N, C-alpha and C. Protein backbone atom coordinates (compact mmCIF):
# COMPACT_ATOMS: atom_id res chain seq x y z
N MET A 1 -6.73 2.20 16.30
CA MET A 1 -6.66 3.58 15.81
C MET A 1 -7.13 3.44 14.40
N ILE A 2 -7.93 4.50 13.81
CA ILE A 2 -8.61 4.53 12.53
C ILE A 2 -7.96 5.40 11.93
N TYR A 3 -7.73 5.18 10.52
CA TYR A 3 -7.16 6.06 9.45
C TYR A 3 -8.12 6.16 8.46
N VAL A 4 -8.24 7.28 7.87
CA VAL A 4 -8.87 7.38 6.66
C VAL A 4 -8.13 7.87 5.51
N PHE A 5 -7.61 7.11 4.43
CA PHE A 5 -6.95 7.54 3.31
C PHE A 5 -7.89 7.89 1.95
N TYR A 6 -7.76 8.88 1.52
CA TYR A 6 -8.70 9.35 0.35
C TYR A 6 -7.75 10.10 -0.55
N GLY A 7 -8.41 10.50 -1.67
CA GLY A 7 -7.93 11.26 -2.87
C GLY A 7 -7.50 10.40 -3.86
N SER A 8 -7.00 11.10 -5.04
CA SER A 8 -6.74 10.35 -6.19
C SER A 8 -5.63 9.64 -6.61
N ASP A 9 -4.59 9.68 -5.71
CA ASP A 9 -3.54 8.97 -5.71
C ASP A 9 -3.47 7.49 -5.14
N ARG A 10 -4.14 6.63 -5.68
CA ARG A 10 -4.33 5.44 -5.33
C ARG A 10 -3.12 4.63 -5.06
N LEU A 11 -2.12 4.82 -5.91
CA LEU A 11 -0.85 4.05 -6.02
C LEU A 11 -0.15 4.37 -4.53
N LYS A 12 -0.23 5.70 -4.15
CA LYS A 12 0.59 6.00 -3.00
C LYS A 12 -0.42 5.68 -1.81
N ILE A 13 -1.72 5.49 -1.88
CA ILE A 13 -2.60 5.00 -0.71
C ILE A 13 -2.20 3.59 -0.54
N SER A 14 -2.18 2.87 -1.53
CA SER A 14 -1.85 1.45 -1.69
C SER A 14 -0.69 1.29 -0.98
N GLN A 15 0.59 2.00 -1.34
CA GLN A 15 1.66 1.80 -0.76
C GLN A 15 1.77 1.98 0.80
N GLU A 16 1.01 3.11 1.26
CA GLU A 16 0.95 3.35 2.43
C GLU A 16 0.02 2.36 3.45
N ILE A 17 -0.80 1.62 2.77
CA ILE A 17 -1.60 0.53 3.50
C ILE A 17 -0.66 -0.36 3.73
N LYS A 18 0.19 -0.75 2.89
CA LYS A 18 1.17 -2.02 2.93
C LYS A 18 2.36 -1.72 4.06
N LYS A 19 2.43 -0.46 3.89
CA LYS A 19 3.55 0.05 4.97
C LYS A 19 3.08 0.10 6.26
N PHE A 20 1.84 0.22 6.27
CA PHE A 20 1.22 0.35 7.69
C PHE A 20 0.97 -0.80 8.18
N PHE A 21 0.26 -1.84 7.36
CA PHE A 21 -0.31 -3.10 7.90
C PHE A 21 0.86 -4.32 7.63
N GLY A 22 1.67 -4.06 6.45
CA GLY A 22 2.34 -5.22 6.01
C GLY A 22 1.76 -6.21 4.89
N GLU A 23 1.88 -7.36 5.10
CA GLU A 23 1.09 -8.15 4.13
C GLU A 23 -0.32 -9.12 4.81
N GLU A 24 -0.32 -8.89 6.06
CA GLU A 24 -1.48 -9.71 6.59
C GLU A 24 -2.35 -8.91 7.12
N TYR A 25 -3.69 -8.68 6.53
CA TYR A 25 -4.82 -7.70 6.96
C TYR A 25 -6.24 -8.30 6.31
N GLU A 26 -7.25 -7.86 7.18
CA GLU A 26 -8.46 -8.34 6.45
C GLU A 26 -9.01 -7.30 5.51
N ILE A 27 -9.73 -7.51 4.49
CA ILE A 27 -10.25 -6.47 3.66
C ILE A 27 -11.81 -6.79 3.70
N PHE A 28 -12.47 -5.61 3.72
CA PHE A 28 -13.94 -5.67 3.32
C PHE A 28 -14.14 -4.50 2.38
N ASN A 29 -15.17 -4.84 1.54
CA ASN A 29 -15.58 -4.06 0.45
C ASN A 29 -16.79 -3.21 1.02
N GLY A 30 -16.92 -2.03 1.03
CA GLY A 30 -18.10 -1.13 1.37
C GLY A 30 -19.39 -1.69 0.75
N GLU A 31 -19.30 -2.04 -0.71
CA GLU A 31 -20.56 -2.22 -1.25
C GLU A 31 -21.27 -3.50 -0.69
N ASN A 32 -20.33 -4.42 -0.13
CA ASN A 32 -20.88 -5.69 0.55
C ASN A 32 -21.42 -5.58 1.69
N LEU A 33 -21.06 -4.51 2.49
CA LEU A 33 -21.53 -4.48 3.95
C LEU A 33 -22.83 -3.99 4.12
N THR A 34 -23.36 -4.19 5.38
CA THR A 34 -24.69 -3.81 5.62
C THR A 34 -24.58 -3.00 7.24
N ALA A 35 -25.53 -2.40 7.71
CA ALA A 35 -25.38 -1.67 8.63
C ALA A 35 -25.11 -2.56 10.08
N ASP A 36 -25.44 -3.96 9.97
CA ASP A 36 -25.34 -4.93 11.04
C ASP A 36 -24.04 -5.40 10.95
N ASP A 37 -23.30 -5.18 9.85
CA ASP A 37 -21.70 -5.56 9.94
C ASP A 37 -21.06 -4.53 10.76
N ILE A 38 -21.38 -3.16 10.90
CA ILE A 38 -20.33 -2.20 11.50
C ILE A 38 -20.09 -2.32 12.79
N PRO A 39 -20.92 -2.96 13.69
CA PRO A 39 -20.22 -3.08 15.26
C PRO A 39 -19.28 -4.24 15.23
N ASN A 40 -19.38 -5.31 14.35
CA ASN A 40 -18.37 -6.26 14.48
C ASN A 40 -17.16 -5.88 13.67
N LEU A 41 -17.29 -5.13 12.83
CA LEU A 41 -15.90 -4.43 12.04
C LEU A 41 -15.13 -3.88 13.10
N PHE A 42 -15.80 -2.99 14.04
CA PHE A 42 -15.05 -1.88 14.91
C PHE A 42 -14.80 -2.78 16.31
N LEU A 43 -15.59 -3.61 16.55
CA LEU A 43 -15.35 -4.12 18.02
C LEU A 43 -15.18 -5.64 18.00
N GLY A 44 -15.56 -6.41 16.98
CA GLY A 44 -15.43 -7.72 16.89
C GLY A 44 -13.99 -8.27 17.16
N ARG A 45 -13.94 -9.31 17.86
CA ARG A 45 -12.69 -10.00 17.93
C ARG A 45 -12.41 -10.90 17.09
N SER A 46 -11.27 -11.50 16.72
CA SER A 46 -11.07 -12.58 15.66
C SER A 46 -10.61 -13.82 16.74
N LEU A 47 -10.31 -15.28 16.03
CA LEU A 47 -9.96 -16.34 16.73
C LEU A 47 -8.52 -16.31 16.98
N PHE A 48 -7.88 -15.54 16.04
CA PHE A 48 -6.07 -15.44 16.32
C PHE A 48 -5.61 -14.37 16.93
N ALA A 49 -6.40 -13.42 17.17
CA ALA A 49 -5.98 -12.13 17.67
C ALA A 49 -6.90 -11.05 18.16
N ASN A 50 -6.66 -10.60 19.37
CA ASN A 50 -7.61 -9.61 19.92
C ASN A 50 -7.54 -8.18 19.12
N GLN A 51 -6.24 -7.85 18.65
CA GLN A 51 -5.99 -6.82 17.86
C GLN A 51 -6.09 -7.02 16.30
N ARG A 52 -7.02 -6.65 15.52
CA ARG A 52 -7.25 -6.92 14.12
C ARG A 52 -6.55 -5.84 13.30
N LYS A 53 -6.50 -6.20 12.02
CA LYS A 53 -5.75 -5.15 10.92
C LYS A 53 -6.77 -5.27 9.84
N ILE A 54 -7.50 -4.13 10.00
CA ILE A 54 -8.76 -4.17 8.90
C ILE A 54 -8.79 -3.03 7.88
N LEU A 55 -8.86 -3.32 6.55
CA LEU A 55 -9.02 -2.34 5.57
C LEU A 55 -10.61 -2.43 5.04
N ILE A 56 -11.03 -1.33 4.98
CA ILE A 56 -12.37 -1.05 4.58
C ILE A 56 -12.42 -0.13 3.41
N LYS A 57 -12.82 -0.71 2.02
CA LYS A 57 -12.65 0.12 0.89
C LYS A 57 -14.18 0.54 0.44
N ASP A 58 -14.20 1.93 -0.10
CA ASP A 58 -15.24 2.26 -0.55
C ASP A 58 -16.48 2.28 -0.15
N ILE A 59 -16.77 2.87 0.99
CA ILE A 59 -17.63 2.98 1.81
C ILE A 59 -18.70 3.95 0.95
N THR A 60 -18.15 4.93 0.49
CA THR A 60 -19.27 5.95 -0.24
C THR A 60 -19.21 5.78 -1.59
N PRO A 61 -20.47 5.43 -2.05
CA PRO A 61 -20.67 5.07 -3.62
C PRO A 61 -20.42 6.30 -4.41
N ALA A 62 -20.23 6.09 -5.60
CA ALA A 62 -20.11 7.01 -6.60
C ALA A 62 -21.41 8.09 -6.72
N ARG A 63 -21.20 9.36 -7.17
CA ARG A 63 -22.27 10.12 -7.29
C ARG A 63 -23.51 9.40 -7.97
N GLY A 64 -24.75 9.59 -7.57
CA GLY A 64 -25.87 9.16 -8.44
C GLY A 64 -26.14 7.62 -8.08
N GLU A 65 -25.18 7.10 -7.47
CA GLU A 65 -25.47 5.36 -7.14
C GLU A 65 -25.66 5.30 -5.77
N SER A 66 -26.03 4.06 -5.49
CA SER A 66 -26.55 3.61 -4.24
C SER A 66 -25.60 2.25 -3.81
N SER A 67 -25.89 1.91 -2.51
CA SER A 67 -25.21 0.64 -1.97
C SER A 67 -25.87 -0.13 -1.01
N LYS A 68 -25.67 -1.45 -0.80
CA LYS A 68 -26.40 -2.16 0.05
C LYS A 68 -26.15 -1.54 1.44
N LEU A 69 -25.07 -0.92 1.55
CA LEU A 69 -24.60 -0.48 3.18
C LEU A 69 -25.47 1.01 3.16
N ALA A 70 -25.79 1.80 2.20
CA ALA A 70 -26.44 2.90 2.27
C ALA A 70 -27.97 2.67 2.48
N ASN A 71 -28.24 1.65 1.80
CA ASN A 71 -29.69 1.22 1.92
C ASN A 71 -30.30 0.71 3.17
N THR A 72 -29.26 0.06 3.75
CA THR A 72 -29.62 -0.64 5.30
C THR A 72 -29.15 0.39 6.13
N LEU A 73 -28.73 1.56 6.01
CA LEU A 73 -28.56 2.51 7.17
C LEU A 73 -29.60 3.22 7.33
N GLY A 74 -30.45 3.70 6.21
CA GLY A 74 -31.77 4.29 6.32
C GLY A 74 -31.29 5.62 6.26
N GLU A 75 -31.75 6.60 7.44
CA GLU A 75 -31.58 7.99 7.30
C GLU A 75 -29.90 8.28 7.82
N ARG A 76 -29.42 7.56 8.42
CA ARG A 76 -28.03 7.47 8.88
C ARG A 76 -27.01 7.40 8.02
N ASP A 77 -25.93 8.01 8.15
CA ASP A 77 -24.67 7.99 7.21
C ASP A 77 -23.73 7.06 8.18
N PHE A 78 -22.94 6.27 7.22
CA PHE A 78 -22.17 5.47 7.92
C PHE A 78 -20.95 6.26 8.97
N TYR A 79 -20.67 7.42 8.46
CA TYR A 79 -19.59 8.05 9.39
C TYR A 79 -20.28 8.44 10.48
N GLU A 80 -21.52 8.84 10.53
CA GLU A 80 -22.23 9.44 11.62
C GLU A 80 -22.30 8.13 12.65
N LEU A 81 -22.42 6.91 12.18
CA LEU A 81 -22.67 5.96 12.80
C LEU A 81 -21.27 5.38 13.49
N ALA A 82 -20.47 5.55 12.66
CA ALA A 82 -19.08 5.13 13.02
C ALA A 82 -18.29 5.96 14.19
N MET A 83 -18.93 7.17 14.19
CA MET A 83 -18.35 7.90 15.39
C MET A 83 -18.61 7.26 16.82
N GLU A 84 -19.48 6.52 17.01
CA GLU A 84 -19.96 5.80 18.01
C GLU A 84 -18.60 4.63 18.36
N TYR A 85 -17.78 4.42 17.42
CA TYR A 85 -16.83 3.40 17.55
C TYR A 85 -15.33 3.49 17.40
N THR A 86 -15.09 4.95 17.50
CA THR A 86 -13.85 5.47 17.47
C THR A 86 -12.76 5.22 18.36
N ASP A 87 -13.33 4.35 19.67
CA ASP A 87 -12.68 3.98 20.49
C ASP A 87 -12.30 2.34 20.15
N THR A 88 -12.36 1.99 19.19
CA THR A 88 -11.86 0.47 18.56
C THR A 88 -10.62 0.23 18.95
N PRO A 89 -10.65 -1.11 19.61
CA PRO A 89 -9.31 -1.75 19.87
C PRO A 89 -8.42 -2.21 18.56
N HIS A 90 -9.02 -1.97 17.37
CA HIS A 90 -8.26 -2.45 16.27
C HIS A 90 -7.62 -1.46 15.36
N ASP A 91 -6.64 -1.77 14.53
CA ASP A 91 -6.13 -0.92 13.50
C ASP A 91 -7.09 -0.87 12.29
N ILE A 92 -7.57 0.31 11.99
CA ILE A 92 -8.50 0.14 10.80
C ILE A 92 -8.17 1.18 9.91
N VAL A 93 -8.01 0.86 8.58
CA VAL A 93 -7.95 1.85 7.54
C VAL A 93 -9.12 1.81 6.62
N ILE A 94 -9.74 2.90 6.53
CA ILE A 94 -10.74 3.10 5.41
C ILE A 94 -10.37 3.91 4.53
N TRP A 95 -10.54 3.31 3.13
CA TRP A 95 -9.91 3.93 1.93
C TRP A 95 -11.01 4.31 1.00
N GLU A 96 -11.25 5.43 0.90
CA GLU A 96 -12.26 6.11 -0.14
C GLU A 96 -11.84 6.50 -1.36
N THR A 97 -12.34 5.88 -2.24
CA THR A 97 -12.28 6.74 -3.74
C THR A 97 -13.15 7.95 -3.92
N ASN A 98 -14.55 7.72 -3.54
CA ASN A 98 -15.37 8.73 -3.57
C ASN A 98 -15.50 9.39 -1.91
N ILE A 99 -15.71 10.67 -2.08
CA ILE A 99 -15.71 11.43 -0.76
C ILE A 99 -17.05 11.72 -0.43
N SER A 100 -17.51 11.32 0.81
CA SER A 100 -19.01 11.80 1.09
C SER A 100 -19.22 13.25 1.25
N PRO A 101 -20.16 13.68 0.59
CA PRO A 101 -20.32 14.97 0.86
C PRO A 101 -21.01 15.39 2.07
N LYS A 102 -21.44 14.42 2.91
CA LYS A 102 -22.32 14.67 4.21
C LYS A 102 -21.40 15.14 5.22
N LYS A 103 -22.09 16.10 6.14
CA LYS A 103 -21.27 16.50 7.25
C LYS A 103 -20.74 15.52 8.25
N GLY A 104 -21.31 14.20 8.28
CA GLY A 104 -20.77 13.21 9.11
C GLY A 104 -19.54 12.82 8.57
N PHE A 105 -19.13 12.88 7.25
CA PHE A 105 -17.42 12.51 7.15
C PHE A 105 -16.72 13.51 7.53
N LYS A 106 -16.98 14.84 7.31
CA LYS A 106 -15.97 16.04 8.00
C LYS A 106 -16.12 15.90 9.45
N ASP A 107 -16.91 15.58 10.15
CA ASP A 107 -17.04 15.39 11.65
C ASP A 107 -16.02 14.26 12.01
N PHE A 108 -16.27 13.10 11.19
CA PHE A 108 -15.48 11.86 11.57
C PHE A 108 -13.89 12.05 11.41
N ILE A 109 -13.53 12.75 10.37
CA ILE A 109 -12.14 12.85 10.00
C ILE A 109 -11.53 14.05 10.85
N SER A 110 -12.49 14.65 11.61
CA SER A 110 -12.01 15.79 12.41
C SER A 110 -11.71 15.11 13.79
N ASN A 111 -12.30 14.09 14.14
CA ASN A 111 -12.32 13.48 15.38
C ASN A 111 -10.52 12.97 15.94
N SER A 112 -10.45 13.30 17.22
CA SER A 112 -8.98 13.16 17.62
C SER A 112 -8.33 11.84 17.66
N GLN A 113 -9.48 10.79 17.56
CA GLN A 113 -9.14 9.35 17.23
C GLN A 113 -9.08 8.68 15.96
N VAL A 114 -9.06 9.78 15.16
CA VAL A 114 -9.12 9.29 13.37
C VAL A 114 -7.90 10.15 12.98
N VAL A 115 -7.08 9.54 12.10
CA VAL A 115 -6.21 10.36 11.29
C VAL A 115 -6.46 10.11 9.94
N ALA A 116 -6.77 11.22 9.26
CA ALA A 116 -7.19 11.44 7.87
C ALA A 116 -5.98 11.72 7.00
N LYS A 117 -5.62 11.12 5.90
CA LYS A 117 -4.70 11.69 4.98
C LYS A 117 -5.32 11.57 3.59
N LYS A 118 -4.97 12.73 3.01
CA LYS A 118 -5.39 12.93 1.71
C LYS A 118 -4.19 12.92 0.57
N TYR A 119 -4.42 11.98 -0.58
CA TYR A 119 -3.28 11.83 -1.52
C TYR A 119 -3.82 12.20 -2.80
N ASP A 120 -3.37 13.31 -3.25
CA ASP A 120 -3.81 13.69 -4.51
C ASP A 120 -2.98 13.95 -5.78
N GLN A 121 -1.69 13.48 -5.71
CA GLN A 121 -0.68 13.64 -6.71
C GLN A 121 -0.51 12.43 -7.53
N THR A 122 -1.50 12.08 -8.42
CA THR A 122 -1.49 10.96 -9.15
C THR A 122 -0.55 11.31 -10.36
N PRO A 123 0.30 10.26 -10.57
CA PRO A 123 1.08 10.47 -11.92
C PRO A 123 0.41 10.44 -13.19
N GLN A 124 0.93 11.07 -14.18
CA GLN A 124 0.24 10.93 -15.44
C GLN A 124 0.94 9.65 -16.42
N ILE A 125 0.02 8.68 -17.00
CA ILE A 125 0.55 7.67 -17.67
C ILE A 125 0.29 8.02 -19.29
N ASP A 126 1.41 7.68 -19.88
CA ASP A 126 1.34 7.81 -21.22
C ASP A 126 0.58 6.97 -22.16
N MET A 127 -0.79 7.24 -22.58
CA MET A 127 -1.78 6.48 -23.11
C MET A 127 -1.17 5.66 -24.24
N ARG A 128 -0.12 6.17 -24.86
CA ARG A 128 0.34 5.37 -26.18
C ARG A 128 1.27 4.01 -25.42
N LYS A 129 2.00 4.25 -24.35
CA LYS A 129 2.30 2.98 -23.73
C LYS A 129 1.29 1.97 -23.18
N VAL A 130 0.33 2.47 -22.74
CA VAL A 130 -0.77 1.50 -22.33
C VAL A 130 -1.38 0.64 -23.61
N PHE A 131 -1.59 1.46 -24.51
CA PHE A 131 -2.29 0.92 -25.59
C PHE A 131 -1.23 -0.14 -26.45
N GLY A 132 0.02 0.49 -26.52
CA GLY A 132 1.11 -0.49 -27.04
C GLY A 132 1.07 -1.85 -26.48
N ILE A 133 1.09 -1.85 -25.09
CA ILE A 133 1.35 -2.83 -24.29
C ILE A 133 -0.09 -3.66 -24.51
N TYR A 134 -1.02 -3.39 -24.51
CA TYR A 134 -2.26 -4.17 -24.75
C TYR A 134 -2.32 -4.76 -26.24
N ASN A 135 -1.85 -3.91 -27.21
CA ASN A 135 -1.87 -4.53 -28.78
C ASN A 135 -0.85 -5.66 -28.61
N THR A 136 0.19 -5.45 -27.91
CA THR A 136 1.24 -6.54 -27.80
C THR A 136 0.67 -7.87 -27.32
N ALA A 137 0.17 -7.53 -26.20
CA ALA A 137 -0.60 -8.63 -25.40
C ALA A 137 -1.53 -9.48 -26.26
N LEU A 138 -2.19 -8.76 -27.31
CA LEU A 138 -3.01 -9.55 -28.16
C LEU A 138 -2.31 -10.74 -29.02
N VAL A 139 -0.98 -10.47 -29.28
CA VAL A 139 -0.27 -11.58 -29.98
C VAL A 139 0.92 -12.07 -29.16
N ASP A 140 1.37 -11.54 -28.20
CA ASP A 140 2.44 -11.97 -27.34
C ASP A 140 2.40 -11.57 -25.88
N GLY A 141 1.98 -12.28 -24.98
CA GLY A 141 1.74 -11.76 -23.51
C GLY A 141 3.04 -11.62 -22.92
N ALA A 142 3.79 -12.75 -23.26
CA ALA A 142 5.38 -12.39 -22.47
C ALA A 142 6.08 -11.11 -22.79
N ARG A 143 5.87 -10.68 -24.09
CA ARG A 143 6.59 -9.41 -24.54
C ARG A 143 5.82 -8.43 -23.86
N ALA A 144 4.40 -8.55 -23.82
CA ALA A 144 3.85 -7.38 -23.30
C ALA A 144 4.07 -6.94 -21.57
N VAL A 145 4.15 -8.27 -20.96
CA VAL A 145 4.56 -8.22 -19.66
C VAL A 145 5.91 -7.53 -19.43
N LYS A 146 6.92 -7.92 -20.31
CA LYS A 146 8.16 -7.31 -20.29
C LYS A 146 7.97 -5.71 -20.36
N MET A 147 7.23 -5.35 -21.60
CA MET A 147 7.07 -3.82 -21.52
C MET A 147 6.54 -3.12 -20.27
N LEU A 148 5.41 -4.11 -19.83
CA LEU A 148 4.85 -3.56 -18.59
C LEU A 148 5.78 -3.16 -17.35
N ASN A 149 6.75 -4.36 -17.07
CA ASN A 149 7.91 -4.20 -16.30
C ASN A 149 8.91 -3.06 -16.28
N GLU A 150 8.99 -2.53 -17.66
CA GLU A 150 9.79 -1.49 -17.75
C GLU A 150 9.29 0.00 -17.32
N ILE A 151 7.92 0.00 -17.14
CA ILE A 151 7.34 1.32 -16.93
C ILE A 151 6.60 1.25 -15.31
N LYS A 152 6.48 0.06 -14.82
CA LYS A 152 5.50 -0.09 -13.72
C LYS A 152 6.03 0.65 -12.51
N ASP A 153 7.33 0.90 -12.38
CA ASP A 153 7.92 1.48 -10.88
C ASP A 153 7.47 3.05 -11.16
N GLN A 154 7.21 3.48 -12.21
CA GLN A 154 7.01 5.00 -12.27
C GLN A 154 5.31 5.13 -12.46
N GLU A 155 4.69 4.13 -12.46
CA GLU A 155 3.17 4.26 -12.78
C GLU A 155 2.20 3.86 -11.69
N ASP A 156 0.97 4.30 -11.77
CA ASP A 156 0.05 3.98 -10.85
C ASP A 156 -0.81 2.64 -11.45
N PRO A 157 -0.80 1.47 -10.88
CA PRO A 157 -1.49 0.46 -11.65
C PRO A 157 -3.10 0.68 -11.62
N PHE A 158 -3.70 1.33 -10.81
CA PHE A 158 -5.00 1.53 -10.98
C PHE A 158 -5.28 2.42 -12.20
N MET A 159 -4.64 3.56 -12.38
CA MET A 159 -4.66 4.20 -13.51
C MET A 159 -4.42 3.49 -14.83
N PHE A 160 -3.45 2.68 -14.85
CA PHE A 160 -3.10 1.97 -15.93
C PHE A 160 -4.25 1.03 -16.38
N VAL A 161 -4.94 0.23 -15.40
CA VAL A 161 -6.18 -0.44 -15.78
C VAL A 161 -7.16 0.56 -16.06
N GLY A 162 -7.43 1.78 -15.68
CA GLY A 162 -8.36 2.54 -16.21
C GLY A 162 -8.37 2.96 -17.68
N LEU A 163 -6.92 3.09 -17.99
CA LEU A 163 -6.74 3.27 -19.60
C LEU A 163 -6.73 2.26 -20.19
N LEU A 164 -6.20 0.98 -19.79
CA LEU A 164 -6.59 -0.20 -20.38
C LEU A 164 -8.04 -0.41 -20.64
N SER A 165 -8.76 -0.02 -19.71
CA SER A 165 -10.09 -0.36 -19.78
C SER A 165 -10.75 0.55 -21.39
N THR A 166 -10.13 1.59 -21.32
CA THR A 166 -10.67 2.51 -22.64
C THR A 166 -10.09 1.81 -23.82
N GLN A 167 -8.98 1.32 -23.86
CA GLN A 167 -8.80 0.54 -24.95
C GLN A 167 -9.32 -0.75 -25.22
N VAL A 168 -9.86 -1.56 -24.16
CA VAL A 168 -10.46 -2.74 -24.38
C VAL A 168 -11.86 -2.46 -24.99
N ILE A 169 -12.41 -1.33 -24.38
CA ILE A 169 -14.10 -0.88 -24.94
C ILE A 169 -13.81 -0.44 -26.37
N LYS A 170 -12.89 0.51 -26.66
CA LYS A 170 -12.69 0.91 -28.00
C LYS A 170 -12.54 -0.47 -29.02
N SER A 171 -11.91 -1.37 -28.75
CA SER A 171 -11.73 -2.58 -29.47
C SER A 171 -12.90 -3.33 -29.72
N TYR A 172 -13.71 -3.43 -28.52
CA TYR A 172 -15.00 -4.13 -28.43
C TYR A 172 -15.99 -3.48 -29.35
N GLU A 173 -16.05 -1.96 -29.41
CA GLU A 173 -16.91 -0.98 -30.25
C GLU A 173 -16.47 -1.47 -31.63
N LYS A 174 -15.28 -1.68 -32.19
CA LYS A 174 -14.81 -1.90 -33.53
C LYS A 174 -15.20 -3.27 -33.93
N ARG A 175 -15.29 -4.24 -33.17
CA ARG A 175 -15.43 -5.65 -33.37
C ARG A 175 -15.79 -6.40 -32.14
N GLN A 176 -17.12 -6.41 -32.29
CA GLN A 176 -17.82 -7.51 -31.00
C GLN A 176 -17.60 -8.93 -31.22
N GLY A 177 -16.25 -9.34 -31.26
CA GLY A 177 -15.92 -10.66 -31.38
C GLY A 177 -15.74 -11.34 -30.09
N ARG A 178 -15.48 -12.84 -30.13
CA ARG A 178 -15.37 -13.73 -29.06
C ARG A 178 -14.08 -12.92 -28.06
N LYS A 179 -12.93 -12.76 -28.78
CA LYS A 179 -11.86 -12.15 -27.85
C LYS A 179 -12.13 -11.00 -27.33
N GLU A 180 -12.84 -9.83 -27.84
CA GLU A 180 -13.28 -8.65 -27.47
C GLU A 180 -14.03 -8.92 -26.36
N LYS A 181 -15.04 -9.79 -26.24
CA LYS A 181 -16.06 -10.00 -25.51
C LYS A 181 -15.45 -10.77 -24.03
N ARG A 182 -14.58 -11.57 -24.29
CA ARG A 182 -13.72 -12.14 -23.26
C ARG A 182 -12.84 -11.10 -22.40
N ALA A 183 -12.25 -10.33 -23.26
CA ALA A 183 -11.49 -9.18 -22.63
C ALA A 183 -12.20 -8.41 -21.81
N LEU A 184 -13.48 -7.86 -22.15
CA LEU A 184 -14.16 -7.12 -21.13
C LEU A 184 -14.72 -7.91 -19.89
N ARG A 185 -14.83 -8.92 -20.11
CA ARG A 185 -15.24 -10.06 -18.75
C ARG A 185 -13.95 -9.93 -17.95
N GLU A 186 -12.95 -10.42 -18.51
CA GLU A 186 -11.78 -10.63 -17.80
C GLU A 186 -11.04 -9.36 -17.18
N LEU A 187 -11.37 -8.11 -17.94
CA LEU A 187 -10.98 -6.87 -17.23
C LEU A 187 -11.71 -6.41 -16.15
N SER A 188 -13.09 -6.75 -16.00
CA SER A 188 -13.90 -6.74 -15.04
C SER A 188 -13.40 -7.30 -13.58
N LYS A 189 -13.12 -8.61 -14.11
CA LYS A 189 -12.62 -9.46 -12.99
C LYS A 189 -11.48 -9.01 -12.19
N LEU A 190 -10.43 -8.47 -13.31
CA LEU A 190 -9.15 -7.85 -12.76
C LEU A 190 -9.70 -6.62 -11.95
N ASP A 191 -10.57 -5.94 -12.14
CA ASP A 191 -10.62 -4.59 -11.56
C ASP A 191 -11.30 -4.98 -10.03
N ILE A 192 -12.09 -6.10 -9.90
CA ILE A 192 -12.59 -6.59 -8.60
C ILE A 192 -11.57 -7.04 -7.61
N ALA A 193 -10.47 -8.11 -8.32
CA ALA A 193 -9.36 -8.60 -7.71
C ALA A 193 -8.45 -7.31 -7.13
N MET A 194 -8.17 -6.18 -7.92
CA MET A 194 -7.34 -5.16 -7.42
C MET A 194 -8.00 -4.69 -6.34
N LYS A 195 -9.27 -4.47 -6.27
CA LYS A 195 -9.97 -3.58 -5.29
C LYS A 195 -10.27 -4.39 -4.07
N SER A 196 -10.11 -5.88 -4.16
CA SER A 196 -10.64 -6.61 -3.04
C SER A 196 -9.68 -7.39 -2.48
N THR A 197 -8.34 -7.55 -2.82
CA THR A 197 -7.14 -8.33 -2.43
C THR A 197 -6.17 -7.70 -2.06
N ASN A 198 -5.40 -8.00 -1.25
CA ASN A 198 -4.00 -7.39 -1.06
C ASN A 198 -2.84 -7.86 -1.93
N TYR A 199 -3.07 -8.60 -3.12
CA TYR A 199 -2.03 -9.16 -3.93
C TYR A 199 -1.37 -7.75 -4.45
N ASP A 200 -0.29 -7.93 -5.11
CA ASP A 200 0.34 -6.87 -5.78
C ASP A 200 -0.28 -6.75 -7.07
N PRO A 201 -0.80 -5.39 -7.21
CA PRO A 201 -1.71 -5.27 -8.54
C PRO A 201 -0.93 -5.30 -9.70
N TRP A 202 0.28 -5.16 -9.65
CA TRP A 202 1.00 -5.50 -10.94
C TRP A 202 1.03 -7.06 -11.40
N VAL A 203 0.99 -7.90 -10.45
CA VAL A 203 0.97 -9.15 -10.59
C VAL A 203 -0.39 -9.65 -11.47
N LEU A 204 -1.36 -9.05 -10.90
CA LEU A 204 -2.67 -9.42 -11.34
C LEU A 204 -2.79 -8.78 -12.86
N ILE A 205 -2.28 -7.66 -12.96
CA ILE A 205 -2.14 -6.88 -14.33
C ILE A 205 -1.49 -7.95 -15.24
N SER A 206 -0.23 -8.31 -14.83
CA SER A 206 0.43 -9.29 -15.79
C SER A 206 -0.10 -10.46 -16.16
N SER A 207 -0.90 -11.09 -15.04
CA SER A 207 -1.58 -12.30 -15.33
C SER A 207 -2.53 -12.08 -16.35
N PHE A 208 -3.25 -11.02 -16.35
CA PHE A 208 -4.27 -10.59 -17.20
C PHE A 208 -3.61 -10.60 -18.87
N LEU A 209 -2.49 -9.71 -18.71
CA LEU A 209 -1.59 -9.80 -19.97
C LEU A 209 -1.34 -10.97 -20.70
N LEU A 210 -0.91 -12.08 -19.73
CA LEU A 210 -0.43 -13.23 -20.32
C LEU A 210 -1.54 -14.14 -20.81
N GLN A 211 -2.78 -13.90 -20.29
CA GLN A 211 -3.78 -14.52 -21.03
C GLN A 211 -4.48 -13.87 -22.38
N VAL A 212 -4.28 -12.75 -22.60
CA VAL A 212 -5.17 -12.17 -23.70
C VAL A 212 -4.90 -12.90 -25.11
N SER A 213 -3.67 -13.32 -25.23
CA SER A 213 -3.42 -13.78 -26.54
C SER A 213 -3.79 -15.48 -26.72
N LEU A 214 -4.28 -15.90 -25.45
CA LEU A 214 -4.72 -17.20 -25.67
C LEU A 214 -6.50 -17.32 -25.75
N TRP A 215 -7.27 -16.09 -25.64
CA TRP A 215 -8.39 -16.24 -25.84
C TRP A 215 -9.01 -16.41 -27.42
């Protein structure tokens, strides 16, 4: 069965994926795929199981951007091609941050063998809390993690990192020192790790905060 999860509430989507798959599943980033990978994703078997659990993230690039997958598909759209594989034997979840404006996406999520769910109720994070946590991490990582633990149950980790990025960039614009440059690099790594692994995102964020004061 194929599921398509999309919308702005990334926390809810992340929770639904874990509820659906559990802890063990394969993850593929759309930006790293090519057209040749698609048949294997939908029909390929693994050494350990005939029925695979597969999460495919971010097939559709942001507006104005391109991707390796889009370039290798040529005139075809991913969802147009994926219509040929809706009878897949695997459990597949496609998680889209950006929604394709093309007709192929609408046709795909309307298919009887595809379940599409939209999650659009993202909670609002108090920017002062995010900035306070980062400023604390600059001198005391353990204290910053304690502050994070006090709010994380009510917040979206992806939105938290988005606001954290704003704070890190502002710090870099004021003073382009060694610590600020390192923070930008490590934050980029954090963002990639959150999108490409099934680790608890809050654990990854906590690890980042613990390191800040050491740079």
